[in-house]
Amino acid sequence: MEPLADAMTTDFAATWLPAVFVPLIVLVTPAIFIVLVGRHITATD
């Protein structure tokens, strides 16, 4: 079996997806919140 094909198993995905998505969500969520609040503030002025 090829090493690359063997690497992309469900175990590989289950190991790396949380490590990738959790920091991504932690960084993106406050950024979106700040943008929305900023737009709300500038719209009400």
Protein backbone atom coordinates (compact mmCIF):
# COMPACT_ATOMS: atom_id res chain seq x y z
CA MET A 1 0.00 0.00 0.00
CA GLU A 2 1.20 3.51 -0.73
CA PRO A 3 2.31 5.63 2.22
CA LEU A 4 0.23 8.65 1.16
CA ALA A 5 -2.93 6.61 0.70
CA ASP A 6 -2.35 4.97 4.07
CA ALA A 7 -1.79 8.34 5.77
CA MET A 8 -5.21 9.73 4.84
CA THR A 9 -7.21 7.32 6.95
CA THR A 10 -10.01 8.15 9.35
CA ASP A 11 -7.56 7.84 12.24
CA PHE A 12 -5.33 10.45 10.61
CA ALA A 13 -8.31 12.76 10.05
CA ALA A 14 -9.62 12.23 13.58
CA THR A 15 -6.20 13.12 14.96
CA TRP A 16 -5.48 16.23 12.91
CA LEU A 17 -8.88 17.80 12.23
CA PRO A 18 -9.42 19.00 15.83
CA ALA A 19 -5.83 20.28 15.94
CA VAL A 20 -6.50 22.35 12.82
CA PHE A 21 -10.10 23.46 13.28
CA VAL A 22 -10.10 24.35 16.98
CA PRO A 23 -7.40 27.07 16.69
CA LEU A 24 -9.00 28.22 13.42
CA ILE A 25 -12.40 28.64 15.09
CA VAL A 26 -10.84 30.29 18.15
CA LEU A 27 -9.13 32.87 15.92
CA VAL A 28 -11.92 33.43 13.38
CA THR A 29 -14.88 33.74 15.76
CA PRO A 30 -13.61 36.84 17.64
CA ALA A 31 -12.54 38.40 14.33
CA ILE A 32 -16.05 38.03 12.90
CA PHE A 33 -17.55 39.37 16.13
CA ILE A 34 -15.26 42.42 16.06
CA VAL A 35 -16.14 43.13 12.42
CA LEU A 36 -19.87 42.85 13.09
CA VAL A 37 -19.68 45.10 16.15
CA GLY A 38 -17.58 47.61 14.21
CA ARG A 39 -20.12 47.69 11.39
CA HIS A 40 -22.93 48.15 13.89
CA ILE A 41 -21.13 51.06 15.57
CA THR A 42 -20.35 52.80 12.28
CA ALA A 43 -23.90 52.23 11.01
CA THR A 44 -25.49 53.83 14.09
CA ASP A 45 -23.31 56.98 13.98
